[in-house]
Amino acid sequence: MVVLGESQYKYEVAEGWGKLPDGWGFKECAAVGCDANDNVYVFNRGEHPVIVFDVEGNFLRSWGEGLYPRAHGITMSPDDTIFLTDDGDHTVRKCNLDGTVLFTLGIPGTPAPFMSGDPFNRCTHVAIDPQTADFYVSDGYGNARVHKYDPEGKLLFSWGESGTGEGQFNIAHNVCTDRDGWVYVADRENQRIQVFDKNGKFETQWKNMARPCGLYIDQSGDQKVYVGELGVAIGPNSQAYGLGPRVAIHDVSGNVLARLGDAPESEELGHFIAPHGVCINSRGDIFVGEVSWTHTGSHLNPPREIRSLQKLTKVG
């Protein structure tokens, strides 16, 4: 048994969680989400883009085949719908939980001009305002923007530009909201999270992190912020302790409450390779999707799929 963390932030690593049908693979898990019944939706880059498991990890169904060329972000909505952000397709789709597409934003396969500020050029994630159902899209690799939409998908306004200053981005990789509607953006290559009000006004930033990728806010209780940190990219420090890859837990003021798996990248249980998507279920268990193929597996000789989904079960 491998246990990460301590005190009230203690988790047991659930070895082999998520039972796929024979012959199936994830390739890699870009994002993970949980519905109201704690079913788990894995948005992955294999042949079956959305794979759904029950709370015990039993396979339920898959959908999205042929529609999503490069999975990136998943956001569960309170109205039992789901937003899927595809950075290879330059689209955001809102779907029912069976995969029926309700609307599509962006032109499939056609990016906006690079760094034009127009939606979308390799968009990354969606966050929903819990008070208004307006939503935000981080437009992340080929833009340096956050776009705000009304619930029907009408663009309201956008903000951000390339740079390192306040309100500027160097890969706006993820976006979340807390229950009061504050907007948190994982500004990955600037190694920080920036916090904005609903109008895109910069409020503060958190800087004590290593390339934040995954971002999830538990809006219940005293609210916790879960951050999947990719860790340093290259060099000897990539094999040092204390620089990720890891999952960190913060309060909404940015204080670090716990860091999990803060060790050199490895396939060992409780270690990480490339945390990319994070979520929790109603029990407080943490699910971590990792882009292990892109980061490591594709560069091996011969290339091979590496574990890319981990469940950390809350202890106590």
C-alpha atoms as a PDB file:
ATOM      1  CA  MET A   1       0.000   0.000   0.000  1.00  0.00           C
ATOM      2  CA  VAL A   2       1.349   3.424  -1.015  1.00  0.00           C
ATOM      3  CA  VAL A   3       0.085   6.438   0.924  1.00  0.00           C
ATOM      4  CA  LEU A   4       0.742  10.068  -0.005  1.00  0.00           C
ATOM      5  CA  GLY A   5       0.384  13.108   2.233  1.00  0.00           C
ATOM      6  CA  GLU A   6      -0.347  13.294   5.913  1.00  0.00           C
ATOM      7  CA  SER A   7      -2.884  14.428   8.501  1.00  0.00           C
ATOM      8  CA  GLN A   8      -6.188  15.411   6.858  1.00  0.00           C
ATOM      9  CA  TYR A   9      -4.551  15.274   3.414  1.00  0.00           C
ATOM     10  CA  LYS A  10      -3.699  11.592   3.305  1.00  0.00           C
ATOM     11  CA  TYR A  11      -4.409   9.462   0.214  1.00  0.00           C
ATOM     12  CA  GLU A  12      -3.924   5.821  -0.696  1.00  0.00           C
ATOM     13  CA  VAL A  13      -2.871   5.145  -4.288  1.00  0.00           C
ATOM     14  CA  ALA A  14      -5.471   2.857  -5.918  1.00  0.00           C
ATOM     15  CA  GLU A  15      -3.290   0.584  -8.025  1.00  0.00           C
ATOM     16  CA  GLY A  16      -4.740  -0.322 -11.421  1.00  0.00           C
ATOM     17  CA  TRP A  17      -7.954   1.665 -11.000  1.00  0.00           C
ATOM     18  CA  GLY A  18     -10.097   1.848 -14.145  1.00  0.00           C
ATOM     19  CA  LYS A  19     -10.714  -1.463 -15.945  1.00  0.00           C
ATOM     20  CA  LEU A  20     -10.606  -1.076 -19.722  1.00  0.00           C
ATOM     21  CA  PRO A  21     -12.016  -3.637 -22.179  1.00  0.00           C
ATOM     22  CA  ASP A  22      -9.468  -6.068 -23.591  1.00  0.00           C
ATOM     23  CA  GLY A  23      -7.264  -4.486 -26.211  1.00  0.00           C
ATOM     24  CA  TRP A  24      -8.155  -0.899 -25.313  1.00  0.00           C
ATOM     25  CA  GLY A  25      -5.766   1.806 -24.228  1.00  0.00           C
ATOM     26  CA  PHE A  26      -5.932   5.445 -23.251  1.00  0.00           C
ATOM     27  CA  LYS A  27      -2.787   6.468 -25.149  1.00  0.00           C
ATOM     28  CA  GLU A  28      -2.822   9.244 -22.540  1.00  0.00           C
ATOM     29  CA  CYS A  29      -5.417  10.885 -20.283  1.00  0.00           C
ATOM     30  CA  ALA A  30      -5.622  14.624 -20.858  1.00  0.00           C
ATOM     31  CA  ALA A  31      -8.478  15.339 -18.449  1.00  0.00           C
ATOM     32  CA  VAL A  32     -10.814  13.731 -15.909  1.00  0.00           C
ATOM     33  CA  GLY A  33     -14.249  14.710 -14.603  1.00  0.00           C
ATOM     34  CA  CYS A  34     -16.841  13.280 -12.182  1.00  0.00           C
ATOM     35  CA  ASP A  35     -20.617  13.565 -12.499  1.00  0.00           C
ATOM     36  CA  ALA A  36     -23.181  13.858  -9.687  1.00  0.00           C
ATOM     37  CA  ASN A  37     -23.183  10.064  -9.261  1.00  0.00           C
ATOM     38  CA  ASP A  38     -19.373   9.897  -9.038  1.00  0.00           C
ATOM     39  CA  ASN A  39     -19.074   8.271 -12.443  1.00  0.00           C
ATOM     40  CA  VAL A  40     -15.676   9.183 -13.897  1.00  0.00           C
ATOM     41  CA  TYR A  41     -15.246  10.596 -17.425  1.00  0.00           C
ATOM     42  CA  VAL A  42     -11.749  10.254 -18.879  1.00  0.00           C
ATOM     43  CA  PHE A  43     -11.019  12.483 -21.885  1.00  0.00           C
ATOM     44  CA  ASN A  44      -8.115  10.739 -23.575  1.00  0.00           C
ATOM     45  CA  ARG A  45      -6.166  10.726 -26.822  1.00  0.00           C
ATOM     46  CA  GLY A  46      -6.767   7.118 -27.789  1.00  0.00           C
ATOM     47  CA  GLU A  47      -9.351   5.651 -30.160  1.00  0.00           C
ATOM     48  CA  HIS A  48     -12.180   6.128 -27.647  1.00  0.00           C
ATOM     49  CA  PRO A  49     -11.968   9.793 -26.579  1.00  0.00           C
ATOM     50  CA  VAL A  50     -14.452   9.713 -23.683  1.00  0.00           C
ATOM     51  CA  ILE A  51     -14.369   6.614 -21.483  1.00  0.00           C
ATOM     52  CA  VAL A  52     -16.792   6.409 -18.563  1.00  0.00           C
ATOM     53  CA  PHE A  53     -16.251   4.351 -15.408  1.00  0.00           C
ATOM     54  CA  ASP A  54     -18.457   3.816 -12.384  1.00  0.00           C
ATOM     55  CA  VAL A  55     -17.298   4.730  -8.895  1.00  0.00           C
ATOM     56  CA  GLU A  56     -15.514   1.373  -8.518  1.00  0.00           C
ATOM     57  CA  GLY A  57     -13.627   1.727 -11.800  1.00  0.00           C
ATOM     58  CA  ASN A  58     -15.793  -0.596 -13.882  1.00  0.00           C
ATOM     59  CA  PHE A  59     -16.114   0.330 -17.565  1.00  0.00           C
ATOM     60  CA  LEU A  60     -19.560   1.689 -18.465  1.00  0.00           C
ATOM     61  CA  ARG A  61     -19.336   3.077 -22.001  1.00  0.00           C
ATOM     62  CA  SER A  62     -17.373   5.239 -24.410  1.00  0.00           C
ATOM     63  CA  TRP A  63     -18.281   7.936 -26.889  1.00  0.00           C
ATOM     64  CA  GLY A  64     -16.855  10.641 -29.131  1.00  0.00           C
ATOM     65  CA  GLU A  65     -15.104   8.285 -31.539  1.00  0.00           C
ATOM     66  CA  GLY A  66     -13.894  10.159 -34.625  1.00  0.00           C
ATOM     67  CA  LEU A  67     -14.901  13.575 -33.290  1.00  0.00           C
ATOM     68  CA  TYR A  68     -12.078  14.635 -30.975  1.00  0.00           C
ATOM     69  CA  PRO A  69      -8.595  14.595 -32.537  1.00  0.00           C
ATOM     70  CA  ARG A  70      -6.703  15.857 -29.463  1.00  0.00           C
ATOM     71  CA  ALA A  71      -8.399  15.812 -26.088  1.00  0.00           C
ATOM     72  CA  HIS A  72      -7.364  18.581 -23.724  1.00  0.00           C
ATOM     73  CA  GLY A  73      -9.921  19.763 -21.139  1.00  0.00           C
ATOM     74  CA  ILE A  74     -13.087  18.460 -19.504  1.00  0.00           C
ATOM     75  CA  THR A  75     -15.524  20.473 -17.370  1.00  0.00           C
ATOM     76  CA  MET A  76     -18.606  19.029 -15.681  1.00  0.00           C
ATOM     77  CA  SER A  77     -21.561  21.413 -15.495  1.00  0.00           C
ATOM     78  CA  PRO A  78     -24.110  21.531 -12.650  1.00  0.00           C
ATOM     79  CA  ASP A  79     -26.912  20.909 -15.187  1.00  0.00           C
ATOM     80  CA  ASP A  80     -25.564  17.416 -15.990  1.00  0.00           C
ATOM     81  CA  THR A  81     -23.829  18.470 -19.165  1.00  0.00           C
ATOM     82  CA  ILE A  82     -20.161  18.424 -20.037  1.00  0.00           C
ATOM     83  CA  PHE A  83     -17.774  20.771 -21.851  1.00  0.00           C
ATOM     84  CA  LEU A  84     -14.964  19.207 -23.884  1.00  0.00           C
ATOM     85  CA  THR A  85     -12.081  21.375 -25.068  1.00  0.00           C
ATOM     86  CA  ASP A  86     -10.038  20.031 -27.986  1.00  0.00           C
ATOM     87  CA  ASP A  87      -6.854  21.959 -28.701  1.00  0.00           C
ATOM     88  CA  GLY A  88      -6.158  20.026 -31.908  1.00  0.00           C
ATOM     89  CA  ASP A  89      -9.614  20.788 -33.288  1.00  0.00           C
ATOM     90  CA  HIS A  90      -9.710  24.376 -31.911  1.00  0.00           C
ATOM     91  CA  THR A  91     -13.189  23.783 -30.519  1.00  0.00           C
ATOM     92  CA  VAL A  92     -15.243  23.689 -27.346  1.00  0.00           C
ATOM     93  CA  ARG A  93     -18.260  21.379 -27.404  1.00  0.00           C
ATOM     94  CA  LYS A  94     -21.045  21.287 -24.853  1.00  0.00           C
ATOM     95  CA  CYS A  95     -22.563  17.809 -24.656  1.00  0.00           C
ATOM     96  CA  ASN A  96     -25.077  15.719 -22.772  1.00  0.00           C
ATOM     97  CA  LEU A  97     -23.517  12.980 -20.665  1.00  0.00           C
ATOM     98  CA  ASP A  98     -24.233  10.463 -23.448  1.00  0.00           C
ATOM     99  CA  GLY A  99     -22.091  12.482 -25.864  1.00  0.00           C
ATOM    100  CA  THR A 100     -24.865  14.259 -27.763  1.00  0.00           C
ATOM    101  CA  VAL A 101     -23.421  17.597 -28.877  1.00  0.00           C
ATOM    102  CA  LEU A 102     -25.557  20.570 -27.811  1.00  0.00           C
ATOM    103  CA  PHE A 103     -23.394  23.263 -29.400  1.00  0.00           C
ATOM    104  CA  THR A 104     -19.903  23.781 -30.781  1.00  0.00           C
ATOM    105  CA  LEU A 105     -17.774  26.912 -30.429  1.00  0.00           C
ATOM    106  CA  GLY A 106     -14.935  27.421 -32.886  1.00  0.00           C
ATOM    107  CA  ILE A 107     -14.559  26.118 -36.423  1.00  0.00           C
ATOM    108  CA  PRO A 108     -13.521  22.448 -36.333  1.00  0.00           C
ATOM    109  CA  GLY A 109     -10.018  22.028 -37.661  1.00  0.00           C
ATOM    110  CA  THR A 110      -9.599  25.739 -38.401  1.00  0.00           C
ATOM    111  CA  PRO A 111      -7.609  27.858 -35.927  1.00  0.00           C
ATOM    112  CA  ALA A 112      -7.935  31.601 -35.545  1.00  0.00           C
ATOM    113  CA  PRO A 113      -4.754  33.406 -36.649  1.00  0.00           C
ATOM    114  CA  PHE A 114      -1.862  32.859 -34.260  1.00  0.00           C
ATOM    115  CA  MET A 115      -1.933  35.302 -31.313  1.00  0.00           C
ATOM    116  CA  SER A 116      -4.765  37.253 -32.937  1.00  0.00           C
ATOM    117  CA  GLY A 117      -6.817  37.194 -29.748  1.00  0.00           C
ATOM    118  CA  ASP A 118      -9.796  35.769 -31.646  1.00  0.00           C
ATOM    119  CA  PRO A 119     -11.310  32.436 -30.553  1.00  0.00           C
ATOM    120  CA  PHE A 120      -9.714  29.871 -30.849  1.00  0.00           C
ATOM    121  CA  ASN A 121      -6.131  28.847 -31.495  1.00  0.00           C
ATOM    122  CA  ARG A 122      -5.463  25.680 -29.503  1.00  0.00           C
ATOM    123  CA  CYS A 123      -7.927  26.384 -26.694  1.00  0.00           C
ATOM    124  CA  THR A 124      -7.343  24.482 -23.470  1.00  0.00           C
ATOM    125  CA  HIS A 125     -10.151  24.481 -20.888  1.00  0.00           C
ATOM    126  CA  VAL A 126     -13.559  25.792 -19.692  1.00  0.00           C
ATOM    127  CA  ALA A 127     -14.746  27.160 -16.328  1.00  0.00           C
ATOM    128  CA  ILE A 128     -18.352  27.914 -15.384  1.00  0.00           C
ATOM    129  CA  ASP A 129     -19.518  30.786 -13.169  1.00  0.00           C
ATOM    130  CA  PRO A 130     -21.670  29.003 -10.542  1.00  0.00           C
ATOM    131  CA  GLN A 131     -23.820  32.103 -10.023  1.00  0.00           C
ATOM    132  CA  THR A 132     -24.666  33.027 -13.622  1.00  0.00           C
ATOM    133  CA  ALA A 133     -23.752  29.967 -15.777  1.00  0.00           C
ATOM    134  CA  ASP A 134     -21.581  32.265 -17.899  1.00  0.00           C
ATOM    135  CA  PHE A 135     -18.419  30.415 -18.819  1.00  0.00           C
ATOM    136  CA  TYR A 136     -14.781  31.125 -19.600  1.00  0.00           C
ATOM    137  CA  VAL A 137     -12.466  29.505 -22.146  1.00  0.00           C
ATOM    138  CA  SER A 138      -8.684  29.598 -21.760  1.00  0.00           C
ATOM    139  CA  ASP A 139      -7.202  29.954 -25.235  1.00  0.00           C
ATOM    140  CA  GLY A 140      -3.924  28.848 -24.477  1.00  0.00           C
ATOM    141  CA  TYR A 141      -1.275  27.616 -26.939  1.00  0.00           C
ATOM    142  CA  GLY A 142      -1.783  29.736 -30.054  1.00  0.00           C
ATOM    143  CA  ASN A 143      -3.383  32.634 -28.200  1.00  0.00           C
ATOM    144  CA  ALA A 144      -2.835  34.310 -24.831  1.00  0.00           C
ATOM    145  CA  ARG A 145      -6.459  34.997 -23.964  1.00  0.00           C
ATOM    146  CA  VAL A 146      -9.426  34.162 -21.800  1.00  0.00           C
ATOM    147  CA  HIS A 147     -12.840  34.484 -23.472  1.00  0.00           C
ATOM    148  CA  LYS A 148     -16.091  34.935 -21.542  1.00  0.00           C
ATOM    149  CA  TYR A 149     -19.397  33.587 -22.921  1.00  0.00           C
ATOM    150  CA  ASP A 150     -23.006  33.691 -21.828  1.00  0.00           C
ATOM    151  CA  PRO A 151     -24.741  30.328 -21.155  1.00  0.00           C
ATOM    152  CA  GLU A 152     -25.921  30.065 -24.781  1.00  0.00           C
ATOM    153  CA  GLY A 153     -22.413  30.487 -26.140  1.00  0.00           C
ATOM    154  CA  LYS A 154     -22.458  34.174 -27.102  1.00  0.00           C
ATOM    155  CA  LEU A 155     -19.038  35.816 -26.753  1.00  0.00           C
ATOM    156  CA  LEU A 156     -19.190  38.627 -24.185  1.00  0.00           C
ATOM    157  CA  PHE A 157     -15.572  39.806 -24.073  1.00  0.00           C
ATOM    158  CA  SER A 158     -11.958  38.617 -23.924  1.00  0.00           C
ATOM    159  CA  TRP A 159      -8.796  39.627 -22.087  1.00  0.00           C
ATOM    160  CA  GLY A 160      -5.092  38.843 -21.996  1.00  0.00           C
ATOM    161  CA  GLU A 161      -2.022  39.060 -24.192  1.00  0.00           C
ATOM    162  CA  SER A 162       1.352  37.383 -24.444  1.00  0.00           C
ATOM    163  CA  GLY A 163       3.821  38.358 -21.731  1.00  0.00           C
ATOM    164  CA  THR A 164       4.882  37.946 -18.122  1.00  0.00           C
ATOM    165  CA  GLY A 165       3.066  40.878 -16.507  1.00  0.00           C
ATOM    166  CA  GLU A 166      -0.230  41.038 -14.662  1.00  0.00           C
ATOM    167  CA  GLY A 167      -3.034  39.863 -16.930  1.00  0.00           C
ATOM    168  CA  GLN A 168      -0.572  38.511 -19.490  1.00  0.00           C
ATOM    169  CA  PHE A 169      -0.095  34.816 -20.257  1.00  0.00           C
ATOM    170  CA  ASN A 170       2.525  32.367 -21.428  1.00  0.00           C
ATOM    171  CA  ILE A 171       0.244  29.389 -22.138  1.00  0.00           C
ATOM    172  CA  ALA A 172      -3.097  29.920 -20.418  1.00  0.00           C
ATOM    173  CA  HIS A 173      -3.393  26.208 -19.784  1.00  0.00           C
ATOM    174  CA  ASN A 174      -6.411  25.880 -17.512  1.00  0.00           C
ATOM    175  CA  VAL A 175      -9.175  27.977 -15.995  1.00  0.00           C
ATOM    176  CA  CYS A 176     -11.457  27.461 -12.963  1.00  0.00           C
ATOM    177  CA  THR A 177     -13.917  29.444 -10.874  1.00  0.00           C
ATOM    178  CA  ASP A 178     -14.649  29.381  -7.156  1.00  0.00           C
ATOM    179  CA  ARG A 179     -18.168  29.613  -5.745  1.00  0.00           C
ATOM    180  CA  ASP A 180     -18.001  33.417  -5.636  1.00  0.00           C
ATOM    181  CA  GLY A 181     -17.150  33.597  -9.316  1.00  0.00           C
ATOM    182  CA  TRP A 182     -13.462  34.542  -9.075  1.00  0.00           C
ATOM    183  CA  VAL A 183     -11.547  33.285 -12.110  1.00  0.00           C
ATOM    184  CA  TYR A 184      -8.283  31.333 -11.674  1.00  0.00           C
ATOM    185  CA  VAL A 185      -5.988  30.808 -14.669  1.00  0.00           C
ATOM    186  CA  ALA A 186      -3.085  28.355 -14.724  1.00  0.00           C
ATOM    187  CA  ASP A 187      -0.470  30.468 -16.527  1.00  0.00           C
ATOM    188  CA  ARG A 188       1.765  27.491 -17.095  1.00  0.00           C
ATOM    189  CA  GLU A 189       5.029  28.739 -18.526  1.00  0.00           C
ATOM    190  CA  ASN A 190       4.988  31.789 -16.258  1.00  0.00           C
ATOM    191  CA  GLN A 191       4.804  29.216 -13.417  1.00  0.00           C
ATOM    192  CA  ARG A 192       1.901  30.872 -11.655  1.00  0.00           C
ATOM    193  CA  ILE A 193      -1.842  31.008 -11.164  1.00  0.00           C
ATOM    194  CA  GLN A 194      -3.460  34.389 -11.783  1.00  0.00           C
ATOM    195  CA  VAL A 195      -6.771  35.368 -10.168  1.00  0.00           C
ATOM    196  CA  PHE A 196      -9.272  37.731 -11.852  1.00  0.00           C
ATOM    197  CA  ASP A 197     -12.719  39.105 -11.136  1.00  0.00           C
ATOM    198  CA  LYS A 198     -15.670  38.417 -13.451  1.00  0.00           C
ATOM    199  CA  ASN A 199     -14.681  41.356 -15.645  1.00  0.00           C
ATOM    200  CA  GLY A 200     -11.158  40.103 -16.230  1.00  0.00           C
ATOM    201  CA  LYS A 201      -9.575  42.518 -13.758  1.00  0.00           C
ATOM    202  CA  PHE A 202      -6.355  41.161 -12.263  1.00  0.00           C
ATOM    203  CA  GLU A 203      -6.517  40.655  -8.486  1.00  0.00           C
ATOM    204  CA  THR A 204      -3.536  38.566  -7.405  1.00  0.00           C
ATOM    205  CA  GLN A 205      -1.188  35.754  -8.399  1.00  0.00           C
ATOM    206  CA  TRP A 206       0.309  32.634  -6.818  1.00  0.00           C
ATOM    207  CA  LYS A 207       3.895  31.954  -7.781  1.00  0.00           C
ATOM    208  CA  ASN A 208       5.177  29.097  -5.613  1.00  0.00           C
ATOM    209  CA  MET A 209       4.646  26.307  -8.142  1.00  0.00           C
ATOM    210  CA  ALA A 210       6.295  24.404 -10.983  1.00  0.00           C
ATOM    211  CA  ARG A 211       4.418  24.771 -14.302  1.00  0.00           C
ATOM    212  CA  PRO A 212       0.781  24.379 -13.216  1.00  0.00           C
ATOM    213  CA  CYS A 213      -1.208  22.317 -15.717  1.00  0.00           C
ATOM    214  CA  GLY A 214      -4.243  20.771 -14.054  1.00  0.00           C
ATOM    215  CA  LEU A 215      -6.581  22.950 -12.006  1.00  0.00           C
ATOM    216  CA  TYR A 216      -9.715  22.025 -10.044  1.00  0.00           C
ATOM    217  CA  ILE A 217     -11.578  23.936  -7.338  1.00  0.00           C
ATOM    218  CA  ASP A 218     -13.823  22.151  -4.858  1.00  0.00           C
ATOM    219  CA  GLN A 219     -16.492  24.797  -4.295  1.00  0.00           C
ATOM    220  CA  SER A 220     -17.938  23.107  -1.201  1.00  0.00           C
ATOM    221  CA  GLY A 221     -17.058  23.860   2.421  1.00  0.00           C
ATOM    222  CA  ASP A 222     -13.977  26.007   2.883  1.00  0.00           C
ATOM    223  CA  GLN A 223     -12.981  25.399  -0.780  1.00  0.00           C
ATOM    224  CA  LYS A 224      -9.768  23.728  -1.864  1.00  0.00           C
ATOM    225  CA  VAL A 225      -7.751  24.238  -5.022  1.00  0.00           C
ATOM    226  CA  TYR A 226      -6.102  21.170  -6.569  1.00  0.00           C
ATOM    227  CA  VAL A 227      -3.168  21.863  -8.894  1.00  0.00           C
ATOM    228  CA  GLY A 228      -1.420  19.335 -11.113  1.00  0.00           C
ATOM    229  CA  GLU A 229       2.123  20.631 -11.600  1.00  0.00           C
ATOM    230  CA  LEU A 230       4.087  19.384 -14.574  1.00  0.00           C
ATOM    231  CA  GLY A 231       7.414  20.074 -12.897  1.00  0.00           C
ATOM    232  CA  VAL A 232      10.566  21.552 -14.407  1.00  0.00           C
ATOM    233  CA  ALA A 233      11.069  20.751 -18.057  1.00  0.00           C
ATOM    234  CA  ILE A 234      14.728  19.856 -18.607  1.00  0.00           C
ATOM    235  CA  GLY A 235      18.124  19.666 -16.979  1.00  0.00           C
ATOM    236  CA  PRO A 236      19.420  17.982 -13.837  1.00  0.00           C
ATOM    237  CA  ASN A 237      16.782  19.617 -11.674  1.00  0.00           C
ATOM    238  CA  SER A 238      14.113  17.560 -13.440  1.00  0.00           C
ATOM    239  CA  GLN A 239      15.296  14.630 -11.316  1.00  0.00           C
ATOM    240  CA  ALA A 240      15.409  16.605  -8.054  1.00  0.00           C
ATOM    241  CA  TYR A 241      12.928  16.417  -5.219  1.00  0.00           C
ATOM    242  CA  GLY A 242      10.766  19.462  -4.571  1.00  0.00           C
ATOM    243  CA  LEU A 243      10.171  20.566  -8.167  1.00  0.00           C
ATOM    244  CA  GLY A 244       7.412  18.208  -9.243  1.00  0.00           C
ATOM    245  CA  PRO A 245       5.772  16.551 -11.040  1.00  0.00           C
ATOM    246  CA  ARG A 246       3.177  16.606  -8.253  1.00  0.00           C
ATOM    247  CA  VAL A 247      -0.337  17.450  -7.134  1.00  0.00           C
ATOM    248  CA  ALA A 248      -0.621  20.351  -4.712  1.00  0.00           C
ATOM    249  CA  ILE A 249      -3.594  21.358  -2.575  1.00  0.00           C
ATOM    250  CA  HIS A 250      -4.103  25.045  -1.760  1.00  0.00           C
ATOM    251  CA  ASP A 251      -6.736  27.129  -0.038  1.00  0.00           C
ATOM    252  CA  VAL A 252      -8.374  29.898  -2.082  1.00  0.00           C
ATOM    253  CA  SER A 253      -5.860  32.398  -0.740  1.00  0.00           C
ATOM    254  CA  GLY A 254      -3.043  30.417  -2.334  1.00  0.00           C
ATOM    255  CA  ASN A 255      -1.591  28.877   0.823  1.00  0.00           C
ATOM    256  CA  VAL A 256      -0.128  25.401   0.250  1.00  0.00           C
ATOM    257  CA  LEU A 257      -1.888  22.789   2.384  1.00  0.00           C
ATOM    258  CA  ALA A 258      -0.240  19.657   0.976  1.00  0.00           C
ATOM    259  CA  ARG A 259       1.951  18.415  -1.845  1.00  0.00           C
ATOM    260  CA  LEU A 260       1.504  14.865  -3.102  1.00  0.00           C
ATOM    261  CA  GLY A 261       4.051  12.787  -5.013  1.00  0.00           C
ATOM    262  CA  ASP A 262       6.650  15.525  -5.044  1.00  0.00           C
ATOM    263  CA  ALA A 263       9.432  13.304  -6.447  1.00  0.00           C
ATOM    264  CA  PRO A 264      11.292  12.779  -9.729  1.00  0.00           C
ATOM    265  CA  GLU A 265       9.106  11.471 -12.549  1.00  0.00           C
ATOM    266  CA  SER A 266       8.570   7.733 -12.375  1.00  0.00           C
ATOM    267  CA  GLU A 267       6.056   4.969 -13.054  1.00  0.00           C
ATOM    268  CA  GLU A 268       6.280   3.902  -9.426  1.00  0.00           C
ATOM    269  CA  LEU A 269       3.010   4.066  -7.522  1.00  0.00           C
ATOM    270  CA  GLY A 270       2.526   7.484  -6.014  1.00  0.00           C
ATOM    271  CA  HIS A 271       4.930   9.139  -8.446  1.00  0.00           C
ATOM    272  CA  PHE A 272       3.834  11.166 -11.460  1.00  0.00           C
ATOM    273  CA  ILE A 273       5.107  11.788 -14.977  1.00  0.00           C
ATOM    274  CA  ALA A 274       3.029  14.649 -16.371  1.00  0.00           C
ATOM    275  CA  PRO A 275      -0.062  15.677 -14.335  1.00  0.00           C
ATOM    276  CA  HIS A 276      -2.349  17.436 -16.815  1.00  0.00           C
ATOM    277  CA  GLY A 277      -5.935  17.137 -15.544  1.00  0.00           C
ATOM    278  CA  VAL A 278      -7.199  16.887 -11.963  1.00  0.00           C
ATOM    279  CA  CYS A 279     -10.610  16.469 -10.346  1.00  0.00           C
ATOM    280  CA  ILE A 280     -12.190  15.084  -7.172  1.00  0.00           C
ATOM    281  CA  ASN A 281     -15.390  13.156  -6.502  1.00  0.00           C
ATOM    282  CA  SER A 282     -17.933  13.641  -3.702  1.00  0.00           C
ATOM    283  CA  ARG A 283     -15.785  11.508  -1.351  1.00  0.00           C
ATOM    284  CA  GLY A 284     -12.718  13.712  -1.812  1.00  0.00           C
ATOM    285  CA  ASP A 285     -10.813  11.145  -3.869  1.00  0.00           C
ATOM    286  CA  ILE A 286      -8.445  12.704  -6.399  1.00  0.00           C
ATOM    287  CA  PHE A 287      -8.227  11.613 -10.043  1.00  0.00           C
ATOM    288  CA  VAL A 288      -5.139  12.615 -12.014  1.00  0.00           C
ATOM    289  CA  GLY A 289      -4.850  12.411 -15.790  1.00  0.00           C
ATOM    290  CA  GLU A 290      -1.328  12.545 -17.194  1.00  0.00           C
ATOM    291  CA  VAL A 291      -0.052  13.245 -20.723  1.00  0.00           C
ATOM    292  CA  SER A 292       2.569  10.545 -20.302  1.00  0.00           C
ATOM    293  CA  TRP A 293       2.710   9.579 -23.988  1.00  0.00           C
ATOM    294  CA  THR A 294       3.515  13.108 -25.144  1.00  0.00           C
ATOM    295  CA  HIS A 295       5.916  13.740 -22.279  1.00  0.00           C
ATOM    296  CA  THR A 296       7.789  10.433 -22.130  1.00  0.00           C
ATOM    297  CA  GLY A 297       6.292   7.356 -23.791  1.00  0.00           C
ATOM    298  CA  SER A 298       6.556   8.612 -27.367  1.00  0.00           C
ATOM    299  CA  HIS A 299      10.279   9.262 -26.893  1.00  0.00           C
ATOM    300  CA  LEU A 300      11.179   5.781 -25.638  1.00  0.00           C
ATOM    301  CA  ASN A 301      12.802   3.151 -27.831  1.00  0.00           C
ATOM    302  CA  PRO A 302      10.531   1.503 -28.708  1.00  0.00           C
ATOM    303  CA  PRO A 303       7.685   3.958 -27.916  1.00  0.00           C
ATOM    304  CA  ARG A 304       5.073   2.595 -25.522  1.00  0.00           C
ATOM    305  CA  GLU A 305       1.982   3.711 -23.655  1.00  0.00           C
ATOM    306  CA  ILE A 306       2.730   4.617 -20.047  1.00  0.00           C
ATOM    307  CA  ARG A 307       0.290   4.754 -17.141  1.00  0.00           C
ATOM    308  CA  SER A 308      -1.680   7.977 -17.459  1.00  0.00           C
ATOM    309  CA  LEU A 309      -4.545   7.700 -14.941  1.00  0.00           C
ATOM    310  CA  GLN A 310      -4.232   7.505 -11.170  1.00  0.00           C
ATOM    311  CA  LYS A 311      -6.812   7.528  -8.402  1.00  0.00           C
ATOM    312  CA  LEU A 312      -5.773   8.748  -4.955  1.00  0.00           C
ATOM    313  CA  THR A 313      -8.322   7.518  -2.429  1.00  0.00           C
ATOM    314  CA  LYS A 314      -8.956   9.804   0.535  1.00  0.00           C
ATOM    315  CA  VAL A 315      -7.977   8.108   3.790  1.00  0.00           C
ATOM    316  CA  GLY A 316     -10.146   8.756   6.852  1.00  0.00           C
END
